[in-house]
Amino acid sequence: MVNSRHIVRNPGGGWDVKKPGASRASSHHATQTEAEERAKQILSRDGGGEARIHGRDGRIRDSDTVPPGNDPHPPKDRKH
């Protein structure tokens, strides 16, 4: 099982970082960017994994691998 955190919109406003299957958010933030940064910090401390970023519509719009996680779909371009 891949270690992951989801960045989702909070119905009351702002953005939450949630672990799959959790009933409560790990953290709450005013902006999606802040929530994404926190999710990556959590994953980094927990051995890496996937940060799944949801759009306003609730669907996953992006996913980032946090090292030392294993990216199942690495980018074809290599940035230097």
N, C-alpha and C. Protein backbone atom coordinates (compact mmCIF):
# COMPACT_ATOMS: atom_id res chain seq x y z
N MET A 1 0.84 -1.19 0.00
CA MET A 1 0.00 0.00 0.00
C MET A 1 0.88 1.25 0.00
N VAL A 2 0.53 2.19 -0.83
CA VAL A 2 1.29 3.43 -0.94
C VAL A 2 0.89 4.39 0.17
N ASN A 3 1.89 4.96 0.83
CA ASN A 3 1.64 5.98 1.85
C ASN A 3 1.19 7.24 1.11
N SER A 4 0.05 7.80 1.47
CA SER A 4 -0.42 9.00 0.76
C SER A 4 -1.19 9.93 1.69
N ARG A 5 -1.28 11.16 1.25
CA ARG A 5 -2.09 12.18 1.91
C ARG A 5 -2.86 12.91 0.80
N HIS A 6 -4.10 13.25 1.10
CA HIS A 6 -4.95 13.96 0.13
C HIS A 6 -5.15 15.39 0.60
N ILE A 7 -5.04 16.31 -0.35
CA ILE A 7 -5.28 17.72 -0.10
C ILE A 7 -6.68 18.00 -0.65
N VAL A 8 -7.64 18.23 0.25
CA VAL A 8 -9.05 18.36 -0.14
C VAL A 8 -9.65 19.65 0.42
N ARG A 9 -10.63 20.15 -0.29
CA ARG A 9 -11.34 21.35 0.14
C ARG A 9 -12.19 21.04 1.37
N ASN A 10 -12.15 21.93 2.34
CA ASN A 10 -12.96 21.78 3.54
C ASN A 10 -14.30 22.46 3.29
N PRO A 11 -15.43 21.79 3.58
CA PRO A 11 -16.75 22.40 3.34
C PRO A 11 -16.94 23.73 4.07
N GLY A 12 -16.24 23.93 5.18
CA GLY A 12 -16.36 25.17 5.93
C GLY A 12 -15.41 26.26 5.47
N GLY A 13 -14.61 25.95 4.45
CA GLY A 13 -13.63 26.91 3.93
C GLY A 13 -12.21 26.42 4.18
N GLY A 14 -11.32 26.76 3.30
CA GLY A 14 -9.93 26.35 3.42
C GLY A 14 -9.70 24.96 2.86
N TRP A 15 -8.53 24.41 3.20
CA TRP A 15 -8.10 23.12 2.67
C TRP A 15 -7.58 22.23 3.78
N ASP A 16 -7.86 20.93 3.67
CA ASP A 16 -7.43 19.95 4.66
C ASP A 16 -6.43 18.97 4.07
N VAL A 17 -5.58 18.45 4.93
CA VAL A 17 -4.70 17.34 4.60
C VAL A 17 -5.30 16.12 5.30
N LYS A 18 -5.64 15.08 4.52
CA LYS A 18 -6.27 13.90 5.10
C LYS A 18 -5.54 12.64 4.67
N LYS A 19 -5.43 11.71 5.61
CA LYS A 19 -4.92 10.38 5.32
C LYS A 19 -6.10 9.54 4.84
N PRO A 20 -5.92 8.72 3.81
CA PRO A 20 -7.03 7.90 3.33
C PRO A 20 -7.65 7.08 4.46
N GLY A 21 -8.97 7.09 4.54
CA GLY A 21 -9.69 6.34 5.55
C GLY A 21 -9.87 7.06 6.88
N ALA A 22 -9.20 8.20 7.04
CA ALA A 22 -9.31 8.95 8.30
C ALA A 22 -10.60 9.76 8.32
N SER A 23 -11.21 9.85 9.49
CA SER A 23 -12.43 10.64 9.60
C SER A 23 -12.12 12.12 9.84
N ARG A 24 -10.94 12.39 10.43
CA ARG A 24 -10.55 13.78 10.70
C ARG A 24 -9.34 14.16 9.86
N ALA A 25 -9.20 15.45 9.63
CA ALA A 25 -8.06 15.97 8.88
C ALA A 25 -6.80 15.97 9.75
N SER A 26 -5.65 15.73 9.13
CA SER A 26 -4.36 15.83 9.83
C SER A 26 -4.05 17.28 10.14
N SER A 27 -4.44 18.17 9.21
CA SER A 27 -4.23 19.60 9.41
C SER A 27 -5.17 20.39 8.52
N HIS A 28 -5.38 21.65 8.85
CA HIS A 28 -6.28 22.55 8.12
C HIS A 28 -5.51 23.82 7.77
N HIS A 29 -5.73 24.35 6.54
CA HIS A 29 -4.98 25.51 6.08
C HIS A 29 -5.88 26.45 5.28
N ALA A 30 -5.50 27.71 5.26
CA ALA A 30 -6.28 28.72 4.54
C ALA A 30 -6.18 28.54 3.03
N THR A 31 -5.00 28.09 2.55
CA THR A 31 -4.81 27.96 1.10
C THR A 31 -4.42 26.53 0.73
N GLN A 32 -4.68 26.20 -0.52
CA GLN A 32 -4.32 24.88 -1.02
C GLN A 32 -2.79 24.70 -1.02
N THR A 33 -2.06 25.75 -1.34
CA THR A 33 -0.60 25.69 -1.35
C THR A 33 -0.04 25.35 0.02
N GLU A 34 -0.58 25.98 1.06
CA GLU A 34 -0.14 25.68 2.43
C GLU A 34 -0.43 24.22 2.79
N ALA A 35 -1.61 23.74 2.41
CA ALA A 35 -1.98 22.36 2.70
C ALA A 35 -1.07 21.39 1.95
N GLU A 36 -0.74 21.71 0.71
CA GLU A 36 0.15 20.86 -0.08
C GLU A 36 1.54 20.79 0.55
N GLU A 37 2.06 21.93 0.99
CA GLU A 37 3.37 21.95 1.64
C GLU A 37 3.37 21.10 2.91
N ARG A 38 2.30 21.19 3.71
CA ARG A 38 2.22 20.42 4.94
C ARG A 38 2.11 18.93 4.65
N ALA A 39 1.32 18.56 3.65
CA ALA A 39 1.19 17.15 3.27
C ALA A 39 2.55 16.58 2.88
N LYS A 40 3.34 17.35 2.16
CA LYS A 40 4.67 16.89 1.74
C LYS A 40 5.61 16.77 2.94
N GLN A 41 5.48 17.65 3.91
CA GLN A 41 6.29 17.54 5.13
C GLN A 41 5.94 16.26 5.88
N ILE A 42 4.65 15.99 6.01
CA ILE A 42 4.19 14.79 6.71
C ILE A 42 4.71 13.54 6.01
N LEU A 43 4.57 13.49 4.69
CA LEU A 43 5.02 12.33 3.93
C LEU A 43 6.53 12.15 4.01
N SER A 44 7.26 13.25 3.96
CA SER A 44 8.72 13.17 4.04
C SER A 44 9.16 12.55 5.36
N ARG A 45 8.53 12.96 6.44
CA ARG A 45 8.87 12.41 7.78
C ARG A 45 8.43 10.95 7.92
N ASP A 46 7.43 10.56 7.11
CA ASP A 46 6.86 9.22 7.24
C ASP A 46 7.41 8.25 6.19
N GLY A 47 8.55 8.56 5.59
CA GLY A 47 9.19 7.64 4.65
C GLY A 47 8.82 7.84 3.19
N GLY A 48 8.18 8.95 2.87
CA GLY A 48 7.83 9.24 1.48
C GLY A 48 6.45 8.72 1.12
N GLY A 49 6.00 9.08 -0.06
CA GLY A 49 4.69 8.64 -0.53
C GLY A 49 4.13 9.60 -1.57
N GLU A 50 2.83 9.59 -1.71
CA GLU A 50 2.14 10.39 -2.73
C GLU A 50 1.27 11.47 -2.11
N ALA A 51 1.44 12.69 -2.59
CA ALA A 51 0.55 13.80 -2.23
C ALA A 51 -0.47 13.92 -3.36
N ARG A 52 -1.72 13.66 -3.06
CA ARG A 52 -2.80 13.70 -4.06
C ARG A 52 -3.56 15.02 -3.88
N ILE A 53 -3.49 15.87 -4.90
CA ILE A 53 -4.06 17.20 -4.82
C ILE A 53 -5.40 17.22 -5.56
N HIS A 54 -6.45 17.52 -4.80
CA HIS A 54 -7.80 17.56 -5.37
C HIS A 54 -8.14 18.99 -5.78
N GLY A 55 -8.92 19.12 -6.84
CA GLY A 55 -9.39 20.42 -7.27
C GLY A 55 -10.64 20.82 -6.50
N ARG A 56 -11.18 21.97 -6.82
CA ARG A 56 -12.39 22.45 -6.16
C ARG A 56 -13.57 21.51 -6.38
N ASP A 57 -13.54 20.76 -7.49
CA ASP A 57 -14.63 19.83 -7.80
C ASP A 57 -14.50 18.50 -7.05
N GLY A 58 -13.40 18.34 -6.28
CA GLY A 58 -13.21 17.13 -5.49
C GLY A 58 -12.43 16.04 -6.20
N ARG A 59 -12.21 16.19 -7.51
CA ARG A 59 -11.47 15.18 -8.26
C ARG A 59 -9.97 15.43 -8.15
N ILE A 60 -9.19 14.36 -8.18
CA ILE A 60 -7.73 14.50 -8.13
C ILE A 60 -7.27 15.18 -9.41
N ARG A 61 -6.55 16.29 -9.23
CA ARG A 61 -6.06 17.04 -10.40
C ARG A 61 -4.57 16.90 -10.59
N ASP A 62 -3.86 16.43 -9.55
CA ASP A 62 -2.41 16.29 -9.63
C ASP A 62 -1.94 15.37 -8.52
N SER A 63 -0.75 14.81 -8.69
CA SER A 63 -0.17 13.93 -7.69
C SER A 63 1.34 14.13 -7.72
N ASP A 64 1.94 14.28 -6.56
CA ASP A 64 3.39 14.45 -6.45
C ASP A 64 3.97 13.36 -5.57
N THR A 65 5.09 12.79 -6.02
CA THR A 65 5.80 11.80 -5.22
C THR A 65 6.77 12.52 -4.31
N VAL A 66 6.72 12.17 -3.04
CA VAL A 66 7.64 12.73 -2.05
C VAL A 66 8.69 11.66 -1.75
N PRO A 67 9.98 11.97 -1.97
CA PRO A 67 11.03 10.97 -1.74
C PRO A 67 11.01 10.49 -0.31
N PRO A 68 11.41 9.29 -0.03
CA PRO A 68 11.95 8.30 -0.97
C PRO A 68 10.87 7.43 -1.60
N GLY A 69 9.69 7.94 -1.79
CA GLY A 69 8.61 7.17 -2.41
C GLY A 69 8.97 6.70 -3.80
N ASN A 70 8.20 5.76 -4.32
CA ASN A 70 8.44 5.21 -5.65
C ASN A 70 7.34 5.71 -6.57
N ASP A 71 7.70 6.56 -7.54
CA ASP A 71 6.72 7.13 -8.46
C ASP A 71 6.34 6.08 -9.50
N PRO A 72 5.07 5.64 -9.53
CA PRO A 72 4.67 4.63 -10.50
C PRO A 72 4.64 5.17 -11.93
N HIS A 73 4.60 6.50 -12.09
CA HIS A 73 4.58 7.11 -13.41
C HIS A 73 5.56 8.30 -13.42
N PRO A 74 6.89 8.01 -13.45
CA PRO A 74 7.85 9.10 -13.42
C PRO A 74 7.75 9.97 -14.67
N PRO A 75 8.09 11.25 -14.57
CA PRO A 75 8.03 12.11 -15.74
C PRO A 75 9.05 11.67 -16.79
N LYS A 76 8.66 11.84 -18.06
CA LYS A 76 9.57 11.47 -19.14
C LYS A 76 10.68 12.49 -19.32
N ASP A 77 10.37 13.76 -19.06
CA ASP A 77 11.41 14.79 -19.18
C ASP A 77 12.24 14.81 -17.91
N ARG A 78 13.51 15.05 -18.07
CA ARG A 78 14.42 15.12 -16.92
C ARG A 78 14.88 16.55 -16.77
N LYS A 79 14.41 17.21 -15.71
CA LYS A 79 14.78 18.60 -15.45
C LYS A 79 16.14 18.63 -14.79
N HIS A 80 16.96 19.53 -15.23
CA HIS A 80 18.32 19.66 -14.64
C HIS A 80 18.47 20.96 -13.93
